[in-house]
Amino acid sequence: MAIDKIDHPELLELDSSTGATALPRGTTAQRPASPSAGYIRFNTTDNVLETYNGTEWLTIDTTDYPYSIEYLVVAGGGGGAQYTGSGGGGAGGYLSSTTSLSTGIIYSITIGAGGAGGVNTSESVSGNDSSILGGSVSITSIGGGGGAGYKNSFYAAKNGGSGGGGAYAATTSGGSGTLGQGNDGATGGGGPGDVGGGGGGAGAAGSGRQGGIGTSSTITGSSTYYAGGGSGGQYPSGSTLSGGLGGGGTGGLNGGGYTSGTTNTGGGGGGTGSSSIATQGGSGGSGVIILRMPTANYSGTTTGSPTVTTDGSDTILSYTSSGTYTA
């Protein structure tokens, strides 16, 4: 049976327009004298929506509740060093877990760049940090350490998310990794010839000349390795050596065949193994940040042009450059 507005002028008639409907509003004292169950109004005394349940007026909860997401944060890899027995770069720090985002909060996404390879006029450079920051969330992965090499004299491997590999001479020990993010670089030396140590990876320390393996993640729906260490260079005989699985750069032989860490994996750069002090080591690979959340919660508000995909009932944001996400 239709309700007559003439008999009930306090009731609203909703139409099919695309605008908005203004609910009745008034103070607590102005509530209807004889309300029926289901009445809705805005209470200007308490600044809340309220409804009558047949017995009493109850506040309608409009609180924005946080929701859980899964994240992967990988920092930029460290640069590989140059000269005959040069260390590979350490992988960028690797962090993967869950956290809660609060609706309406803007979260800053920073992607760490990889560090430059060393040359006689400069040491290898550690990678840059990657982070998610906003509200109560503060997640930072530390850039990978640069490998040990030669700059007028030998210099030490650097610490980082994973440590850079050591050089064959002078200071030979690898750099230290960060607990929970990566592993140590390997010690240089060991022959035959001049051998640089491999940079540490997220999944294992560098071993001899070999860069440490990275860690696999299924956050995108398929298994992918990230944060592999760069392999060290060798001189004068031997072979090139692939870096750690997860984007680690190849260690060179006699200045040939070395490579940089793979972009957006956080892989460390390869050492050169060159007899020329003018040759520059491989650069570290840039980092990456991936967020996975229920599609029902995904706001669709981003900057930085992340790649947006779906897997089952979840939406996945893959950031390869810095930006934001508004929850």
C-alpha atoms as a PDB file:
ATOM      1  CA  MET A   1       0.000   0.000   0.000  1.00  0.00           C
ATOM      2  CA  ALA A   2       1.450   3.389  -1.017  1.00  0.00           C
ATOM      3  CA  ILE A   3       2.075   5.979   1.682  1.00  0.00           C
ATOM      4  CA  ASP A   4       0.368   9.337   1.054  1.00  0.00           C
ATOM      5  CA  LYS A   5       2.792  12.264   1.410  1.00  0.00           C
ATOM      6  CA  ILE A   6      -0.107  14.537   2.286  1.00  0.00           C
ATOM      7  CA  ASP A   7      -0.786  12.460   5.398  1.00  0.00           C
ATOM      8  CA  HIS A   8       2.960  12.026   6.068  1.00  0.00           C
ATOM      9  CA  PRO A   9       4.726  15.254   4.920  1.00  0.00           C
ATOM     10  CA  GLU A  10       7.781  14.416   6.970  1.00  0.00           C
ATOM     11  CA  LEU A  11       8.575  11.457   4.645  1.00  0.00           C
ATOM     12  CA  LEU A  12      10.796  11.815   1.562  1.00  0.00           C
ATOM     13  CA  GLU A  13       9.999  10.686  -1.941  1.00  0.00           C
ATOM     14  CA  LEU A  14      13.151   9.363  -3.626  1.00  0.00           C
ATOM     15  CA  ASP A  15      13.484   9.637  -7.405  1.00  0.00           C
ATOM     16  CA  SER A  16      15.938   8.261  -9.986  1.00  0.00           C
ATOM     17  CA  SER A  17      18.105  11.375 -10.287  1.00  0.00           C
ATOM     18  CA  THR A  18      21.900  11.078 -10.016  1.00  0.00           C
ATOM     19  CA  GLY A  19      22.314  13.831  -7.447  1.00  0.00           C
ATOM     20  CA  ALA A  20      21.808  13.479  -3.702  1.00  0.00           C
ATOM     21  CA  THR A  21      18.892  13.420  -1.311  1.00  0.00           C
ATOM     22  CA  ALA A  22      18.831  15.739   1.663  1.00  0.00           C
ATOM     23  CA  LEU A  23      17.718  13.864   4.758  1.00  0.00           C
ATOM     24  CA  PRO A  24      15.653  15.603   7.417  1.00  0.00           C
ATOM     25  CA  ARG A  25      17.941  17.370   9.877  1.00  0.00           C
ATOM     26  CA  GLY A  26      17.481  18.972  13.250  1.00  0.00           C
ATOM     27  CA  THR A  27      18.497  18.979  16.874  1.00  0.00           C
ATOM     28  CA  THR A  28      17.854  16.219  19.366  1.00  0.00           C
ATOM     29  CA  ALA A  29      14.927  18.232  20.723  1.00  0.00           C
ATOM     30  CA  GLN A  30      13.413  18.426  17.224  1.00  0.00           C
ATOM     31  CA  ARG A  31      13.083  14.674  16.717  1.00  0.00           C
ATOM     32  CA  PRO A  32       9.595  13.579  15.511  1.00  0.00           C
ATOM     33  CA  ALA A  33       7.186  13.236  18.397  1.00  0.00           C
ATOM     34  CA  SER A  34       5.755   9.894  17.227  1.00  0.00           C
ATOM     35  CA  PRO A  35       8.463   8.225  15.114  1.00  0.00           C
ATOM     36  CA  SER A  36       8.041   4.862  13.390  1.00  0.00           C
ATOM     37  CA  ALA A  37      10.698   2.181  13.115  1.00  0.00           C
ATOM     38  CA  GLY A  38      13.023   2.854  10.183  1.00  0.00           C
ATOM     39  CA  TYR A  39      12.970   6.657  10.336  1.00  0.00           C
ATOM     40  CA  ILE A  40      16.345   8.210   9.406  1.00  0.00           C
ATOM     41  CA  ARG A  41      17.513  11.774  10.064  1.00  0.00           C
ATOM     42  CA  PHE A  42      20.671  13.840  10.644  1.00  0.00           C
ATOM     43  CA  ASN A  43      21.086  14.964  14.232  1.00  0.00           C
ATOM     44  CA  THR A  44      22.675  18.448  14.223  1.00  0.00           C
ATOM     45  CA  THR A  45      23.252  18.375  17.972  1.00  0.00           C
ATOM     46  CA  ASP A  46      25.626  15.395  17.753  1.00  0.00           C
ATOM     47  CA  ASN A  47      26.506  15.689  14.011  1.00  0.00           C
ATOM     48  CA  VAL A  48      25.573  12.062  13.330  1.00  0.00           C
ATOM     49  CA  LEU A  49      23.111  10.097  11.223  1.00  0.00           C
ATOM     50  CA  GLU A  50      20.524   8.365  13.357  1.00  0.00           C
ATOM     51  CA  THR A  51      17.693   5.884  12.895  1.00  0.00           C
ATOM     52  CA  TYR A  52      14.690   4.910  15.024  1.00  0.00           C
ATOM     53  CA  ASN A  53      14.433   1.153  15.698  1.00  0.00           C
ATOM     54  CA  GLY A  54      10.917   1.238  17.128  1.00  0.00           C
ATOM     55  CA  THR A  55      12.104   1.784  20.671  1.00  0.00           C
ATOM     56  CA  GLU A  56      14.943   4.317  20.606  1.00  0.00           C
ATOM     57  CA  TRP A  57      17.089   6.503  18.353  1.00  0.00           C
ATOM     58  CA  LEU A  58      20.419   4.857  17.411  1.00  0.00           C
ATOM     59  CA  THR A  59      23.487   6.391  15.774  1.00  0.00           C
ATOM     60  CA  ILE A  60      24.323   5.017  12.300  1.00  0.00           C
ATOM     61  CA  ASP A  61      28.020   4.100  12.306  1.00  0.00           C
ATOM     62  CA  THR A  62      29.840   5.907   9.447  1.00  0.00           C
ATOM     63  CA  THR A  63      33.365   5.157  10.682  1.00  0.00           C
ATOM     64  CA  ASP A  64      35.956   4.370   7.980  1.00  0.00           C
ATOM     65  CA  TYR A  65      37.584   1.124   9.081  1.00  0.00           C
ATOM     66  CA  PRO A  66      41.124   0.103   8.045  1.00  0.00           C
ATOM     67  CA  TYR A  67      41.642  -2.824   5.730  1.00  0.00           C
ATOM     68  CA  SER A  68      44.499  -5.282   5.393  1.00  0.00           C
ATOM     69  CA  ILE A  69      46.873  -5.443   2.423  1.00  0.00           C
ATOM     70  CA  GLU A  70      49.876  -7.553   1.491  1.00  0.00           C
ATOM     71  CA  TYR A  71      53.025  -5.705   0.422  1.00  0.00           C
ATOM     72  CA  LEU A  72      56.432  -6.277  -1.149  1.00  0.00           C
ATOM     73  CA  VAL A  73      59.049  -3.524  -0.794  1.00  0.00           C
ATOM     74  CA  VAL A  74      62.425  -3.958  -2.547  1.00  0.00           C
ATOM     75  CA  ALA A  75      65.124  -1.272  -2.437  1.00  0.00           C
ATOM     76  CA  GLY A  76      67.624  -0.389  -5.160  1.00  0.00           C
ATOM     77  CA  GLY A  77      70.638  -2.686  -5.569  1.00  0.00           C
ATOM     78  CA  GLY A  78      74.231  -1.619  -4.923  1.00  0.00           C
ATOM     79  CA  GLY A  79      76.681  -0.929  -7.735  1.00  0.00           C
ATOM     80  CA  GLY A  80      79.403  -3.413  -8.685  1.00  0.00           C
ATOM     81  CA  ALA A  81      83.050  -2.359  -8.431  1.00  0.00           C
ATOM     82  CA  GLN A  82      85.791  -2.153 -11.058  1.00  0.00           C
ATOM     83  CA  TYR A  83      89.327  -3.470 -11.467  1.00  0.00           C
ATOM     84  CA  THR A  84      90.696  -6.974 -11.644  1.00  0.00           C
ATOM     85  CA  GLY A  85      89.138  -8.681  -8.597  1.00  0.00           C
ATOM     86  CA  SER A  86      86.173  -6.397  -7.926  1.00  0.00           C
ATOM     87  CA  GLY A  87      83.197  -7.148  -5.700  1.00  0.00           C
ATOM     88  CA  GLY A  88      79.610  -7.470  -6.899  1.00  0.00           C
ATOM     89  CA  GLY A  89      76.937  -5.156  -5.556  1.00  0.00           C
ATOM     90  CA  GLY A  90      74.624  -6.254  -2.757  1.00  0.00           C
ATOM     91  CA  ALA A  91      70.918  -6.616  -3.437  1.00  0.00           C
ATOM     92  CA  GLY A  92      68.428  -4.061  -2.193  1.00  0.00           C
ATOM     93  CA  GLY A  93      66.633  -4.857   1.039  1.00  0.00           C
ATOM     94  CA  TYR A  94      63.582  -7.146   0.709  1.00  0.00           C
ATOM     95  CA  LEU A  95      60.508  -6.819   2.945  1.00  0.00           C
ATOM     96  CA  SER A  96      57.230  -8.715   2.533  1.00  0.00           C
ATOM     97  CA  SER A  97      54.350  -8.909   5.004  1.00  0.00           C
ATOM     98  CA  THR A  98      50.898  -7.444   5.696  1.00  0.00           C
ATOM     99  CA  THR A  99      49.748  -4.131   7.116  1.00  0.00           C
ATOM    100  CA  SER A 100      46.534  -2.128   7.526  1.00  0.00           C
ATOM    101  CA  LEU A 101      45.627   0.987   5.547  1.00  0.00           C
ATOM    102  CA  SER A 102      43.146   3.595   6.776  1.00  0.00           C
ATOM    103  CA  THR A 103      40.636   4.942   4.275  1.00  0.00           C
ATOM    104  CA  GLY A 104      41.238   8.513   3.156  1.00  0.00           C
ATOM    105  CA  ILE A 105      44.953   8.455   4.035  1.00  0.00           C
ATOM    106  CA  ILE A 106      47.477   9.176   1.242  1.00  0.00           C
ATOM    107  CA  TYR A 107      50.406   6.743   1.303  1.00  0.00           C
ATOM    108  CA  SER A 108      53.663   7.846  -0.322  1.00  0.00           C
ATOM    109  CA  ILE A 109      55.379   5.187  -2.447  1.00  0.00           C
ATOM    110  CA  THR A 110      59.122   5.740  -3.005  1.00  0.00           C
ATOM    111  CA  ILE A 111      61.084   3.504  -5.386  1.00  0.00           C
ATOM    112  CA  GLY A 112      64.829   3.430  -4.675  1.00  0.00           C
ATOM    113  CA  ALA A 113      67.223   3.840  -7.605  1.00  0.00           C
ATOM    114  CA  GLY A 114      70.116   1.448  -8.075  1.00  0.00           C
ATOM    115  CA  GLY A 115      73.619   2.601  -7.149  1.00  0.00           C
ATOM    116  CA  ALA A 116      76.198   3.481  -9.799  1.00  0.00           C
ATOM    117  CA  GLY A 117      79.130   1.157 -10.460  1.00  0.00           C
ATOM    118  CA  GLY A 118      82.598   2.131  -9.263  1.00  0.00           C
ATOM    119  CA  VAL A 119      85.345   3.612 -11.444  1.00  0.00           C
ATOM    120  CA  ASN A 120      88.866   4.829 -10.614  1.00  0.00           C
ATOM    121  CA  THR A 121      87.574   8.347  -9.892  1.00  0.00           C
ATOM    122  CA  SER A 122      84.739   7.167  -7.617  1.00  0.00           C
ATOM    123  CA  GLU A 123      83.772   4.240  -5.443  1.00  0.00           C
ATOM    124  CA  SER A 124      80.765   2.053  -6.186  1.00  0.00           C
ATOM    125  CA  VAL A 125      77.536   3.552  -4.851  1.00  0.00           C
ATOM    126  CA  SER A 126      75.014   1.854  -2.589  1.00  0.00           C
ATOM    127  CA  GLY A 127      71.397   1.620  -3.738  1.00  0.00           C
ATOM    128  CA  ASN A 128      68.639   3.912  -2.509  1.00  0.00           C
ATOM    129  CA  ASP A 129      65.904   3.005  -0.028  1.00  0.00           C
ATOM    130  CA  SER A 130      62.324   2.130  -1.048  1.00  0.00           C
ATOM    131  CA  SER A 131      59.455   2.946   1.306  1.00  0.00           C
ATOM    132  CA  ILE A 132      55.729   3.148   2.045  1.00  0.00           C
ATOM    133  CA  LEU A 133      54.927   6.042   4.367  1.00  0.00           C
ATOM    134  CA  GLY A 134      51.605   7.442   5.543  1.00  0.00           C
ATOM    135  CA  GLY A 135      49.402   7.514   8.635  1.00  0.00           C
ATOM    136  CA  SER A 136      50.752   4.914  11.069  1.00  0.00           C
ATOM    137  CA  VAL A 137      52.500   2.956   8.280  1.00  0.00           C
ATOM    138  CA  SER A 138      56.293   3.296   8.006  1.00  0.00           C
ATOM    139  CA  ILE A 139      57.987   0.576   5.945  1.00  0.00           C
ATOM    140  CA  THR A 140      61.502   1.085   4.573  1.00  0.00           C
ATOM    141  CA  SER A 141      63.784  -1.322   2.720  1.00  0.00           C
ATOM    142  CA  ILE A 142      67.466  -0.346   2.757  1.00  0.00           C
ATOM    143  CA  GLY A 143      69.481   0.037  -0.439  1.00  0.00           C
ATOM    144  CA  GLY A 144      72.050  -2.643  -1.278  1.00  0.00           C
ATOM    145  CA  GLY A 145      75.728  -2.072  -0.457  1.00  0.00           C
ATOM    146  CA  GLY A 146      78.248  -1.262  -3.174  1.00  0.00           C
ATOM    147  CA  GLY A 147      80.999  -3.787  -3.945  1.00  0.00           C
ATOM    148  CA  ALA A 148      84.669  -3.340  -2.947  1.00  0.00           C
ATOM    149  CA  GLY A 149      87.085  -2.229  -5.662  1.00  0.00           C
ATOM    150  CA  TYR A 150      89.802   0.179  -6.662  1.00  0.00           C
ATOM    151  CA  LYS A 151      89.874   3.986  -6.536  1.00  0.00           C
ATOM    152  CA  ASN A 152      93.573   4.921  -6.573  1.00  0.00           C
ATOM    153  CA  SER A 153      93.784   2.295  -3.836  1.00  0.00           C
ATOM    154  CA  PHE A 154      91.428  -0.503  -2.749  1.00  0.00           C
ATOM    155  CA  TYR A 155      88.321   0.472  -0.772  1.00  0.00           C
ATOM    156  CA  ALA A 156      86.019  -1.610   1.409  1.00  0.00           C
ATOM    157  CA  ALA A 157      82.688  -3.175   0.507  1.00  0.00           C
ATOM    158  CA  LYS A 158      79.643  -1.297   1.770  1.00  0.00           C
ATOM    159  CA  ASN A 159      76.903  -2.422   4.117  1.00  0.00           C
ATOM    160  CA  GLY A 160      73.246  -2.280   3.069  1.00  0.00           C
ATOM    161  CA  GLY A 161      70.029  -4.255   2.668  1.00  0.00           C
ATOM    162  CA  SER A 162      72.464  -6.928   1.477  1.00  0.00           C
ATOM    163  CA  GLY A 163      76.209  -6.287   1.678  1.00  0.00           C
ATOM    164  CA  GLY A 164      78.497  -5.728  -1.286  1.00  0.00           C
ATOM    165  CA  GLY A 165      81.179  -8.277  -2.183  1.00  0.00           C
ATOM    166  CA  GLY A 166      84.813  -7.852  -1.061  1.00  0.00           C
ATOM    167  CA  ALA A 167      87.816  -7.163  -3.315  1.00  0.00           C
ATOM    168  CA  TYR A 168      90.674  -9.616  -3.933  1.00  0.00           C
ATOM    169  CA  ALA A 169      93.275  -7.416  -2.254  1.00  0.00           C
ATOM    170  CA  ALA A 170      93.665  -5.134   0.759  1.00  0.00           C
ATOM    171  CA  THR A 171      90.240  -5.076   2.451  1.00  0.00           C
ATOM    172  CA  THR A 172      88.746  -8.385   1.318  1.00  0.00           C
ATOM    173  CA  SER A 173      85.695  -8.904   3.550  1.00  0.00           C
ATOM    174  CA  GLY A 174      82.184  -8.395   2.207  1.00  0.00           C
ATOM    175  CA  GLY A 175      79.746  -5.804   3.519  1.00  0.00           C
ATOM    176  CA  SER A 176      77.072  -6.682   6.078  1.00  0.00           C
ATOM    177  CA  GLY A 177      73.411  -7.165   5.232  1.00  0.00           C
ATOM    178  CA  THR A 178      70.500  -5.890   7.318  1.00  0.00           C
ATOM    179  CA  LEU A 179      68.752  -8.421   9.554  1.00  0.00           C
ATOM    180  CA  GLY A 180      65.383  -9.382   8.089  1.00  0.00           C
ATOM    181  CA  GLN A 181      66.111  -7.722   4.736  1.00  0.00           C
ATOM    182  CA  GLY A 182      69.191  -9.385   3.219  1.00  0.00           C
ATOM    183  CA  ASN A 183      72.554 -11.101   3.684  1.00  0.00           C
ATOM    184  CA  ASP A 184      76.289 -10.431   3.746  1.00  0.00           C
ATOM    185  CA  GLY A 185      78.564 -10.117   0.761  1.00  0.00           C
ATOM    186  CA  ALA A 186      81.322 -12.699   0.235  1.00  0.00           C
ATOM    187  CA  THR A 187      85.036 -12.249   0.940  1.00  0.00           C
ATOM    188  CA  GLY A 188      87.207 -11.562  -2.099  1.00  0.00           C
ATOM    189  CA  GLY A 189      90.200 -13.655  -3.161  1.00  0.00           C
ATOM    190  CA  GLY A 190      90.496 -17.408  -3.440  1.00  0.00           C
ATOM    191  CA  GLY A 191      91.905 -17.609  -6.983  1.00  0.00           C
ATOM    192  CA  PRO A 192      92.816 -18.589  -9.495  1.00  0.00           C
ATOM    193  CA  GLY A 193      93.924 -15.069 -10.274  1.00  0.00           C
ATOM    194  CA  ASP A 194      92.202 -12.042  -8.845  1.00  0.00           C
ATOM    195  CA  VAL A 195      88.649 -12.854  -7.688  1.00  0.00           C
ATOM    196  CA  GLY A 196      86.042 -10.450  -6.300  1.00  0.00           C
ATOM    197  CA  GLY A 197      83.407 -11.585  -3.838  1.00  0.00           C
ATOM    198  CA  GLY A 198      79.731 -11.878  -4.743  1.00  0.00           C
ATOM    199  CA  GLY A 199      77.223  -9.450  -3.268  1.00  0.00           C
ATOM    200  CA  GLY A 200      74.664 -10.729  -0.795  1.00  0.00           C
ATOM    201  CA  GLY A 201      71.110 -11.509  -1.857  1.00  0.00           C
ATOM    202  CA  ALA A 202      67.770 -11.518  -0.053  1.00  0.00           C
ATOM    203  CA  GLY A 203      67.770 -15.322   0.093  1.00  0.00           C
ATOM    204  CA  ALA A 204      71.438 -16.103   0.765  1.00  0.00           C
ATOM    205  CA  ALA A 205      74.847 -14.541   1.368  1.00  0.00           C
ATOM    206  CA  GLY A 206      77.359 -14.199  -1.444  1.00  0.00           C
ATOM    207  CA  SER A 207      79.516 -17.326  -1.783  1.00  0.00           C
ATOM    208  CA  GLY A 208      82.966 -17.016  -3.276  1.00  0.00           C
ATOM    209  CA  ARG A 209      82.492 -15.073  -6.471  1.00  0.00           C
ATOM    210  CA  GLN A 210      78.788 -15.956  -6.754  1.00  0.00           C
ATOM    211  CA  GLY A 211      76.154 -13.358  -5.887  1.00  0.00           C
ATOM    212  CA  GLY A 212      73.593 -14.522  -3.342  1.00  0.00           C
ATOM    213  CA  ILE A 213      70.236 -15.776  -4.546  1.00  0.00           C
ATOM    214  CA  GLY A 214      67.187 -13.547  -4.124  1.00  0.00           C
ATOM    215  CA  THR A 215      63.807 -14.458  -2.627  1.00  0.00           C
ATOM    216  CA  SER A 216      60.690 -15.496  -4.528  1.00  0.00           C
ATOM    217  CA  SER A 217      57.320 -13.842  -4.034  1.00  0.00           C
ATOM    218  CA  THR A 218      53.865 -14.845  -5.267  1.00  0.00           C
ATOM    219  CA  ILE A 219      52.261 -11.486  -4.471  1.00  0.00           C
ATOM    220  CA  THR A 220      51.363 -10.954  -8.136  1.00  0.00           C
ATOM    221  CA  GLY A 221      49.841 -14.417  -8.465  1.00  0.00           C
ATOM    222  CA  SER A 222      52.938 -16.074  -9.918  1.00  0.00           C
ATOM    223  CA  SER A 223      56.339 -16.834  -8.404  1.00  0.00           C
ATOM    224  CA  THR A 224      59.024 -14.217  -9.159  1.00  0.00           C
ATOM    225  CA  TYR A 225      62.487 -13.775  -7.645  1.00  0.00           C
ATOM    226  CA  TYR A 226      63.727 -10.379  -6.448  1.00  0.00           C
ATOM    227  CA  ALA A 227      66.881  -8.975  -4.840  1.00  0.00           C
ATOM    228  CA  GLY A 228      69.665 -11.195  -6.157  1.00  0.00           C
ATOM    229  CA  GLY A 229      73.303 -10.239  -5.460  1.00  0.00           C
ATOM    230  CA  GLY A 230      75.731  -9.227  -8.209  1.00  0.00           C
ATOM    231  CA  SER A 231      78.629 -11.614  -8.893  1.00  0.00           C
ATOM    232  CA  GLY A 232      82.261 -10.525  -8.514  1.00  0.00           C
ATOM    233  CA  GLY A 233      84.715  -9.929 -11.341  1.00  0.00           C
ATOM    234  CA  GLN A 234      87.729 -12.166 -12.130  1.00  0.00           C
ATOM    235  CA  TYR A 235      91.144 -11.661 -13.785  1.00  0.00           C
ATOM    236  CA  PRO A 236      92.907 -12.893 -15.900  1.00  0.00           C
ATOM    237  CA  SER A 237      91.390 -16.341 -16.559  1.00  0.00           C
ATOM    238  CA  GLY A 238      88.129 -18.082 -15.794  1.00  0.00           C
ATOM    239  CA  SER A 239      84.672 -17.137 -17.108  1.00  0.00           C
ATOM    240  CA  THR A 240      81.873 -14.672 -16.651  1.00  0.00           C
ATOM    241  CA  LEU A 241      79.476 -15.645 -13.853  1.00  0.00           C
ATOM    242  CA  SER A 242      75.741 -14.957 -13.705  1.00  0.00           C
ATOM    243  CA  GLY A 243      74.489 -13.040 -10.670  1.00  0.00           C
ATOM    244  CA  GLY A 244      72.131 -14.337  -8.034  1.00  0.00           C
ATOM    245  CA  LEU A 245      68.637 -15.305  -9.213  1.00  0.00           C
ATOM    246  CA  GLY A 246      66.477 -12.233  -8.751  1.00  0.00           C
ATOM    247  CA  GLY A 247      68.172  -9.695 -11.010  1.00  0.00           C
ATOM    248  CA  GLY A 248      71.797  -9.911  -9.852  1.00  0.00           C
ATOM    249  CA  GLY A 249      74.311  -8.632 -12.423  1.00  0.00           C
ATOM    250  CA  THR A 250      76.866 -10.884 -14.148  1.00  0.00           C
ATOM    251  CA  GLY A 251      80.460 -10.746 -12.878  1.00  0.00           C
ATOM    252  CA  GLY A 252      82.896  -9.980 -15.703  1.00  0.00           C
ATOM    253  CA  LEU A 253      86.116 -11.589 -16.817  1.00  0.00           C
ATOM    254  CA  ASN A 254      88.996  -9.361 -17.892  1.00  0.00           C
ATOM    255  CA  GLY A 255      86.580  -6.446 -18.281  1.00  0.00           C
ATOM    256  CA  GLY A 256      84.117  -8.283 -20.521  1.00  0.00           C
ATOM    257  CA  GLY A 257      80.653  -9.715 -20.006  1.00  0.00           C
ATOM    258  CA  TYR A 258      79.702  -7.943 -16.804  1.00  0.00           C
ATOM    259  CA  THR A 259      76.172  -6.489 -16.492  1.00  0.00           C
ATOM    260  CA  SER A 260      74.103  -4.224 -14.315  1.00  0.00           C
ATOM    261  CA  GLY A 261      71.380  -5.477 -11.980  1.00  0.00           C
ATOM    262  CA  THR A 262      67.979  -5.900 -13.594  1.00  0.00           C
ATOM    263  CA  THR A 263      65.627  -2.911 -13.433  1.00  0.00           C
ATOM    264  CA  ASN A 264      62.872  -3.108 -10.780  1.00  0.00           C
ATOM    265  CA  THR A 265      64.258  -6.214  -9.083  1.00  0.00           C
ATOM    266  CA  GLY A 266      66.728  -4.609  -6.657  1.00  0.00           C
ATOM    267  CA  GLY A 267      69.524  -6.789  -8.059  1.00  0.00           C
ATOM    268  CA  GLY A 268      73.159  -5.850  -7.340  1.00  0.00           C
ATOM    269  CA  GLY A 269      75.491  -4.834 -10.190  1.00  0.00           C
ATOM    270  CA  GLY A 270      78.248  -7.135 -11.411  1.00  0.00           C
ATOM    271  CA  GLY A 271      81.970  -6.512 -10.806  1.00  0.00           C
ATOM    272  CA  THR A 272      84.065  -5.901 -13.923  1.00  0.00           C
ATOM    273  CA  GLY A 273      87.230  -7.982 -13.535  1.00  0.00           C
ATOM    274  CA  SER A 274      88.980  -5.392 -15.715  1.00  0.00           C
ATOM    275  CA  SER A 275      92.685  -4.550 -15.667  1.00  0.00           C
ATOM    276  CA  SER A 276      91.768  -0.991 -16.666  1.00  0.00           C
ATOM    277  CA  ILE A 277      90.995   1.387 -13.840  1.00  0.00           C
ATOM    278  CA  ALA A 278      88.854   3.423 -16.245  1.00  0.00           C
ATOM    279  CA  THR A 279      86.206   0.703 -16.608  1.00  0.00           C
ATOM    280  CA  GLN A 280      83.017   1.272 -14.596  1.00  0.00           C
ATOM    281  CA  GLY A 281      81.274  -1.526 -12.688  1.00  0.00           C
ATOM    282  CA  GLY A 282      77.681  -2.572 -13.319  1.00  0.00           C
ATOM    283  CA  SER A 283      74.950  -0.421 -11.770  1.00  0.00           C
ATOM    284  CA  GLY A 284      72.444  -1.808  -9.298  1.00  0.00           C
ATOM    285  CA  GLY A 285      68.868  -2.475 -10.426  1.00  0.00           C
ATOM    286  CA  SER A 286      66.116  -0.131  -9.244  1.00  0.00           C
ATOM    287  CA  GLY A 287      63.620  -1.316  -6.640  1.00  0.00           C
ATOM    288  CA  VAL A 288      59.920  -2.104  -6.796  1.00  0.00           C
ATOM    289  CA  ILE A 289      56.862  -1.911  -4.521  1.00  0.00           C
ATOM    290  CA  ILE A 290      53.809  -4.135  -4.941  1.00  0.00           C
ATOM    291  CA  LEU A 291      50.536  -3.848  -3.003  1.00  0.00           C
ATOM    292  CA  ARG A 292      47.833  -6.527  -2.987  1.00  0.00           C
ATOM    293  CA  MET A 293      44.392  -5.838  -1.517  1.00  0.00           C
ATOM    294  CA  PRO A 294      40.771  -7.029  -1.748  1.00  0.00           C
ATOM    295  CA  THR A 295      39.190  -5.521  -4.859  1.00  0.00           C
ATOM    296  CA  ALA A 296      36.232  -4.510  -2.679  1.00  0.00           C
ATOM    297  CA  ASN A 297      38.559  -2.160  -0.780  1.00  0.00           C
ATOM    298  CA  TYR A 298      40.565  -0.792  -3.734  1.00  0.00           C
ATOM    299  CA  SER A 299      39.948   2.963  -4.008  1.00  0.00           C
ATOM    300  CA  GLY A 300      41.244   3.423  -7.561  1.00  0.00           C
ATOM    301  CA  THR A 301      43.078   6.606  -6.505  1.00  0.00           C
ATOM    302  CA  THR A 302      46.789   6.504  -7.368  1.00  0.00           C
ATOM    303  CA  THR A 303      49.638   8.572  -8.779  1.00  0.00           C
ATOM    304  CA  GLY A 304      52.860   7.342 -10.340  1.00  0.00           C
ATOM    305  CA  SER A 305      51.095   5.121 -12.893  1.00  0.00           C
ATOM    306  CA  PRO A 306      51.341   1.735 -11.164  1.00  0.00           C
ATOM    307  CA  THR A 307      50.416  -1.326 -13.196  1.00  0.00           C
ATOM    308  CA  VAL A 308      46.991  -2.510 -11.995  1.00  0.00           C
ATOM    309  CA  THR A 309      46.076  -6.186 -12.330  1.00  0.00           C
ATOM    310  CA  THR A 310      43.669  -8.591 -10.635  1.00  0.00           C
ATOM    311  CA  ASP A 311      44.066 -12.103  -9.290  1.00  0.00           C
ATOM    312  CA  GLY A 312      40.912 -13.753  -8.060  1.00  0.00           C
ATOM    313  CA  SER A 313      39.158 -11.351  -5.689  1.00  0.00           C
ATOM    314  CA  ASP A 314      42.263  -9.159  -5.208  1.00  0.00           C
ATOM    315  CA  THR A 315      43.649  -6.090  -6.974  1.00  0.00           C
ATOM    316  CA  ILE A 316      47.433  -5.746  -7.341  1.00  0.00           C
ATOM    317  CA  LEU A 317      49.324  -2.456  -7.744  1.00  0.00           C
ATOM    318  CA  SER A 318      52.906  -2.718  -9.034  1.00  0.00           C
ATOM    319  CA  TYR A 319      54.905   0.502  -8.645  1.00  0.00           C
ATOM    320  CA  THR A 320      58.072   0.788 -10.756  1.00  0.00           C
ATOM    321  CA  SER A 321      58.376   4.518 -10.122  1.00  0.00           C
ATOM    322  CA  SER A 322      57.462   6.667  -7.139  1.00  0.00           C
ATOM    323  CA  GLY A 323      53.851   7.736  -6.549  1.00  0.00           C
ATOM    324  CA  THR A 324      51.001   7.526  -4.053  1.00  0.00           C
ATOM    325  CA  TYR A 325      48.015   5.408  -3.127  1.00  0.00           C
ATOM    326  CA  THR A 326      44.964   6.870  -1.379  1.00  0.00           C
ATOM    327  CA  ALA A 327      43.241   4.163   0.634  1.00  0.00           C
END
